[in-house]
């Protein structure tokens, strides 16, 4: 015998069965979306890190070239002899031509 007032119709049983069946699918969907977003975030972080490293290498190379050019100007014999203006002007002009982006004022 059933207790009085406790009846489940076929309609309610089918709704309950459908909800129980769809719950794992919904959880799987949420998990897959979450996992995919984490993967995309890691890939974006990795791409940005690679870009930062490439830019850093380019800046380092440019600075190394500028330092080498300035060091060669500093080692000029005319600077040691005190004849700074005449001898270094032509040398600086040649050095400026070898470095794109340098301007003379």
N, C-alpha and C. Protein backbone atom coordinates (compact mmCIF):
# COMPACT_ATOMS: atom_id res chain seq x y z
N UNK A 1 0.82 -1.19 0.00
CA UNK A 1 0.00 0.00 0.00
C UNK A 1 0.86 1.25 0.00
N UNK A 2 0.37 2.24 -0.69
CA UNK A 2 1.07 3.51 -0.75
C UNK A 2 0.54 4.45 0.32
N UNK A 3 1.45 5.34 0.80
CA UNK A 3 0.94 6.32 1.75
C UNK A 3 -0.03 7.28 1.06
N UNK A 4 -1.01 7.77 1.79
CA UNK A 4 -1.98 8.68 1.17
C UNK A 4 -1.30 10.00 0.77
N UNK A 5 -1.63 10.51 -0.41
CA UNK A 5 -1.10 11.79 -0.89
C UNK A 5 0.23 11.68 -1.61
N UNK A 6 0.81 10.52 -1.68
CA UNK A 6 2.11 10.35 -2.34
C UNK A 6 1.91 9.59 -3.64
N UNK A 7 1.67 10.33 -4.70
CA UNK A 7 1.50 9.70 -6.00
C UNK A 7 2.37 10.42 -7.01
N UNK A 8 3.01 9.67 -7.84
CA UNK A 8 3.79 10.22 -8.94
C UNK A 8 3.15 9.77 -10.24
N UNK A 9 2.78 10.74 -11.00
CA UNK A 9 2.17 10.40 -12.27
C UNK A 9 3.26 10.01 -13.27
N UNK A 10 2.85 9.42 -14.34
CA UNK A 10 3.79 9.02 -15.38
C UNK A 10 4.50 10.24 -15.97
N UNK A 11 3.78 11.32 -16.08
CA UNK A 11 4.36 12.55 -16.62
C UNK A 11 5.51 13.03 -15.72
N UNK A 12 5.30 13.06 -14.42
CA UNK A 12 6.35 13.51 -13.49
C UNK A 12 7.54 12.56 -13.50
N UNK A 13 7.27 11.27 -13.60
CA UNK A 13 8.37 10.30 -13.67
C UNK A 13 9.22 10.49 -14.92
N UNK A 14 8.55 10.76 -16.06
CA UNK A 14 9.29 10.99 -17.30
C UNK A 14 10.11 12.29 -17.23
N UNK A 15 9.56 13.32 -16.64
CA UNK A 15 10.31 14.58 -16.47
C UNK A 15 11.52 14.36 -15.57
N UNK A 16 11.33 13.63 -14.49
CA UNK A 16 12.43 13.33 -13.57
C UNK A 16 13.50 12.49 -14.27
N UNK A 17 13.10 11.52 -15.02
CA UNK A 17 14.05 10.68 -15.76
C UNK A 17 14.82 11.51 -16.80
N UNK A 18 14.13 12.40 -17.48
CA UNK A 18 14.80 13.27 -18.47
C UNK A 18 15.80 14.19 -17.79
N UNK A 19 15.43 14.76 -16.67
CA UNK A 19 16.33 15.66 -15.95
C UNK A 19 17.57 14.91 -15.46
N UNK A 20 17.37 13.70 -14.94
CA UNK A 20 18.50 12.90 -14.48
C UNK A 20 19.39 12.51 -15.66
N UNK A 21 18.81 12.27 -16.81
CA UNK A 21 19.60 11.91 -18.00
C UNK A 21 20.34 13.09 -18.59
N UNK A 22 19.75 14.28 -18.52
CA UNK A 22 20.39 15.47 -19.11
C UNK A 22 21.43 16.11 -18.20
N UNK A 23 21.37 15.86 -16.92
CA UNK A 23 22.32 16.46 -15.99
C UNK A 23 23.77 16.10 -16.32
N UNK A 24 24.11 14.83 -16.57
CA UNK A 24 25.50 14.54 -16.93
C UNK A 24 25.93 15.21 -18.23
N UNK A 25 25.01 15.31 -19.20
CA UNK A 25 25.35 16.00 -20.45
C UNK A 25 25.63 17.48 -20.21
N UNK A 26 24.84 18.11 -19.38
CA UNK A 26 25.05 19.51 -19.06
C UNK A 26 26.38 19.69 -18.33
N UNK A 27 26.69 18.82 -17.40
CA UNK A 27 27.97 18.90 -16.69
C UNK A 27 29.14 18.69 -17.64
N UNK A 28 29.02 17.75 -18.56
CA UNK A 28 30.07 17.52 -19.56
C UNK A 28 30.25 18.74 -20.45
N UNK A 29 29.15 19.37 -20.82
CA UNK A 29 29.23 20.59 -21.63
C UNK A 29 29.94 21.71 -20.89
N UNK A 30 29.59 21.94 -19.65
CA UNK A 30 30.25 22.98 -18.86
C UNK A 30 31.73 22.67 -18.69
N UNK A 31 32.06 21.42 -18.43
CA UNK A 31 33.46 21.03 -18.26
C UNK A 31 34.25 21.24 -19.54
N UNK A 32 33.67 20.87 -20.69
CA UNK A 32 34.40 21.03 -21.95
C UNK A 32 34.61 22.50 -22.30
N UNK A 33 33.63 23.34 -22.04
CA UNK A 33 33.79 24.78 -22.29
C UNK A 33 34.87 25.35 -21.38
N UNK A 34 34.87 24.96 -20.14
CA UNK A 34 35.87 25.44 -19.19
C UNK A 34 37.27 24.99 -19.59
N UNK A 35 37.41 23.73 -19.97
CA UNK A 35 38.71 23.19 -20.37
C UNK A 35 39.21 23.89 -21.64
N UNK A 36 38.32 24.11 -22.59
CA UNK A 36 38.71 24.79 -23.83
C UNK A 36 39.14 26.22 -23.57
N UNK A 37 38.45 26.92 -22.69
CA UNK A 37 38.84 28.30 -22.39
C UNK A 37 40.19 28.35 -21.68
N UNK A 38 40.45 27.39 -20.80
CA UNK A 38 41.77 27.34 -20.15
C UNK A 38 42.87 27.07 -21.17
N UNK A 39 42.63 26.17 -22.11
CA UNK A 39 43.61 25.86 -23.14
C UNK A 39 43.90 27.09 -24.00
N UNK A 40 42.85 27.79 -24.41
CA UNK A 40 43.04 28.99 -25.22
C UNK A 40 43.79 30.07 -24.44
N UNK A 41 43.53 30.20 -23.17
CA UNK A 41 44.23 31.18 -22.35
C UNK A 41 45.72 30.84 -22.27
N UNK A 42 46.05 29.54 -22.08
CA UNK A 42 47.45 29.13 -22.04
C UNK A 42 48.15 29.38 -23.38
N UNK A 43 47.45 29.12 -24.47
CA UNK A 43 48.03 29.35 -25.80
C UNK A 43 48.26 30.85 -26.04
N UNK A 44 47.33 31.67 -25.61
CA UNK A 44 47.49 33.11 -25.77
C UNK A 44 48.65 33.62 -24.91
N UNK A 45 48.77 33.13 -23.70
CA UNK A 45 49.90 33.51 -22.84
C UNK A 45 51.22 33.10 -23.47
N UNK A 46 51.27 31.90 -24.04
CA UNK A 46 52.49 31.41 -24.68
C UNK A 46 52.84 32.27 -25.90
N UNK A 47 51.85 32.65 -26.70
CA UNK A 47 52.08 33.47 -27.88
C UNK A 47 52.59 34.86 -27.48
N UNK A 48 52.00 35.43 -26.44
CA UNK A 48 52.45 36.75 -25.99
C UNK A 48 53.87 36.69 -25.43
N UNK A 49 54.20 35.61 -24.74
CA UNK A 49 55.55 35.45 -24.22
C UNK A 49 56.56 35.31 -25.36
N UNK A 50 56.20 34.56 -26.40
CA UNK A 50 57.08 34.43 -27.56
C UNK A 50 57.28 35.78 -28.25
N UNK A 51 56.22 36.56 -28.36
CA UNK A 51 56.33 37.88 -28.96
C UNK A 51 57.22 38.80 -28.14
N UNK A 52 57.07 38.76 -26.83
CA UNK A 52 57.90 39.58 -25.95
C UNK A 52 59.37 39.17 -26.07
N UNK A 53 59.63 37.89 -26.16
CA UNK A 53 61.02 37.43 -26.33
C UNK A 53 61.59 37.89 -27.66
N UNK A 54 60.80 37.82 -28.72
CA UNK A 54 61.28 38.25 -30.04
C UNK A 54 61.57 39.75 -30.04
N UNK A 55 60.69 40.53 -29.44
CA UNK A 55 60.93 41.97 -29.37
C UNK A 55 62.16 42.29 -28.52
N UNK A 56 62.33 41.55 -27.45
CA UNK A 56 63.50 41.75 -26.60
C UNK A 56 64.78 41.44 -27.35
N UNK A 57 64.77 40.38 -28.14
CA UNK A 57 65.95 40.03 -28.93
C UNK A 57 66.26 41.10 -29.97
N UNK A 58 65.22 41.64 -30.61
CA UNK A 58 65.42 42.68 -31.61
C UNK A 58 66.00 43.95 -30.98
N UNK A 59 65.48 44.32 -29.82
CA UNK A 59 66.00 45.51 -29.13
C UNK A 59 67.44 45.28 -28.68
N UNK A 60 67.73 44.09 -28.17
CA UNK A 60 69.10 43.78 -27.76
C UNK A 60 70.07 43.85 -28.93
N UNK A 61 69.66 43.33 -30.08
CA UNK A 61 70.53 43.37 -31.26
C UNK A 61 70.77 44.81 -31.70
N UNK A 62 69.74 45.62 -31.67
CA UNK A 62 69.90 47.02 -32.07
C UNK A 62 70.81 47.77 -31.10
N UNK A 63 70.63 47.52 -29.81
CA UNK A 63 71.49 48.17 -28.82
C UNK A 63 72.94 47.70 -28.94
N UNK A 64 73.14 46.41 -29.19
CA UNK A 64 74.50 45.91 -29.36
C UNK A 64 75.19 46.55 -30.56
N UNK A 65 74.45 46.73 -31.65
CA UNK A 65 75.02 47.40 -32.82
C UNK A 65 75.37 48.84 -32.54
N UNK A 66 74.50 49.53 -31.83
CA UNK A 66 74.78 50.93 -31.49
C UNK A 66 75.98 51.04 -30.55
N UNK A 67 76.06 50.14 -29.60
CA UNK A 67 77.20 50.15 -28.67
C UNK A 67 78.49 49.88 -29.40
N UNK A 68 78.47 48.94 -30.34
CA UNK A 68 79.68 48.63 -31.10
C UNK A 68 80.12 49.82 -31.95
N UNK A 69 79.18 50.51 -32.57
CA UNK A 69 79.51 51.68 -33.38
C UNK A 69 80.08 52.79 -32.51
N UNK A 70 79.45 53.04 -31.38
CA UNK A 70 79.95 54.09 -30.49
C UNK A 70 81.31 53.72 -29.89
N UNK A 71 81.51 52.45 -29.62
CA UNK A 71 82.81 52.02 -29.09
C UNK A 71 83.91 52.21 -30.13
N UNK A 72 83.59 51.95 -31.40
CA UNK A 72 84.61 52.17 -32.43
C UNK A 72 84.93 53.65 -32.58
N UNK A 73 83.93 54.50 -32.41
CA UNK A 73 84.19 55.94 -32.45
C UNK A 73 85.05 56.37 -31.25
N UNK A 74 84.80 55.76 -30.11
CA UNK A 74 85.55 56.14 -28.91
C UNK A 74 87.00 55.69 -28.98
N UNK A 75 87.29 54.64 -29.74
CA UNK A 75 88.67 54.16 -29.85
C UNK A 75 89.46 54.86 -30.95
N UNK A 76 88.90 55.87 -31.55
CA UNK A 76 89.60 56.58 -32.63
C UNK A 76 90.88 57.21 -32.08
N UNK A 77 91.96 57.10 -32.84
CA UNK A 77 93.23 57.68 -32.38
C UNK A 77 93.18 59.19 -32.22
N UNK A 78 92.34 59.85 -33.00
CA UNK A 78 92.26 61.31 -32.91
C UNK A 78 91.71 61.76 -31.56
N UNK A 79 90.88 60.97 -30.94
CA UNK A 79 90.33 61.34 -29.63
C UNK A 79 91.44 61.31 -28.60
N UNK A 80 92.33 60.31 -28.68
CA UNK A 80 93.46 60.25 -27.75
C UNK A 80 94.44 61.39 -27.97
N UNK A 81 94.55 61.87 -29.23
CA UNK A 81 95.49 62.96 -29.54
C UNK A 81 94.90 64.32 -29.26
N UNK A 82 93.62 64.38 -29.02
CA UNK A 82 92.99 65.66 -28.71
C UNK A 82 92.38 66.34 -29.92
N UNK A 83 92.54 65.80 -31.12
CA UNK A 83 91.96 66.37 -32.33
C UNK A 83 90.57 65.78 -32.53
N UNK A 84 89.66 66.22 -31.75
CA UNK A 84 88.34 65.59 -31.73
C UNK A 84 87.50 66.01 -32.92
N UNK A 85 87.46 67.27 -33.23
CA UNK A 85 86.48 67.76 -34.20
C UNK A 85 86.78 67.31 -35.63
N UNK A 86 87.96 67.55 -36.14
CA UNK A 86 88.21 67.30 -37.56
C UNK A 86 88.22 65.82 -37.91
N UNK A 87 88.90 65.03 -37.15
CA UNK A 87 89.04 63.63 -37.49
C UNK A 87 87.76 62.84 -37.23
N UNK A 88 87.09 63.15 -36.18
CA UNK A 88 85.91 62.36 -35.83
C UNK A 88 84.69 62.75 -36.64
N UNK A 89 84.69 63.91 -37.26
CA UNK A 89 83.52 64.30 -38.05
C UNK A 89 83.34 63.36 -39.23
N UNK A 90 84.42 63.09 -39.98
CA UNK A 90 84.29 62.20 -41.12
C UNK A 90 84.03 60.76 -40.65
N UNK A 91 84.66 60.38 -39.57
CA UNK A 91 84.45 59.02 -39.04
C UNK A 91 83.01 58.86 -38.54
N UNK A 92 82.48 59.87 -37.89
CA UNK A 92 81.11 59.82 -37.39
C UNK A 92 80.12 59.78 -38.55
N UNK A 93 80.44 60.50 -39.63
CA UNK A 93 79.56 60.47 -40.79
C UNK A 93 79.51 59.07 -41.40
N UNK A 94 80.65 58.41 -41.48
CA UNK A 94 80.68 57.03 -42.00
C UNK A 94 79.92 56.09 -41.06
N UNK A 95 80.10 56.29 -39.78
CA UNK A 95 79.40 55.42 -38.82
C UNK A 95 77.90 55.65 -38.87
N UNK A 96 77.51 56.88 -39.06
CA UNK A 96 76.08 57.19 -39.14
C UNK A 96 75.46 56.53 -40.35
N UNK A 97 76.18 56.50 -41.46
CA UNK A 97 75.65 55.85 -42.66
C UNK A 97 75.48 54.35 -42.46
N UNK A 98 76.32 53.75 -41.64
CA UNK A 98 76.21 52.30 -41.42
C UNK A 98 75.06 51.96 -40.47
N UNK A 99 74.59 52.92 -39.71
CA UNK A 99 73.49 52.67 -38.76
C UNK A 99 72.22 53.35 -39.28
N UNK A 100 71.32 52.59 -39.78
CA UNK A 100 70.04 53.15 -40.25
C UNK A 100 69.28 53.72 -39.06
N UNK A 101 68.70 54.85 -39.25
CA UNK A 101 67.90 55.45 -38.20
C UNK A 101 68.65 56.48 -37.38
N UNK A 102 69.97 56.57 -37.53
CA UNK A 102 70.72 57.60 -36.81
C UNK A 102 70.65 58.88 -37.62
N UNK A 103 70.55 59.99 -36.91
CA UNK A 103 70.53 61.29 -37.57
C UNK A 103 71.67 62.14 -37.01
N UNK A 104 72.14 63.01 -37.84
CA UNK A 104 73.13 63.99 -37.34
C UNK A 104 72.41 65.30 -37.14
N UNK A 105 72.83 66.03 -36.14
CA UNK A 105 72.14 67.30 -35.89
C UNK A 105 72.99 68.46 -36.30
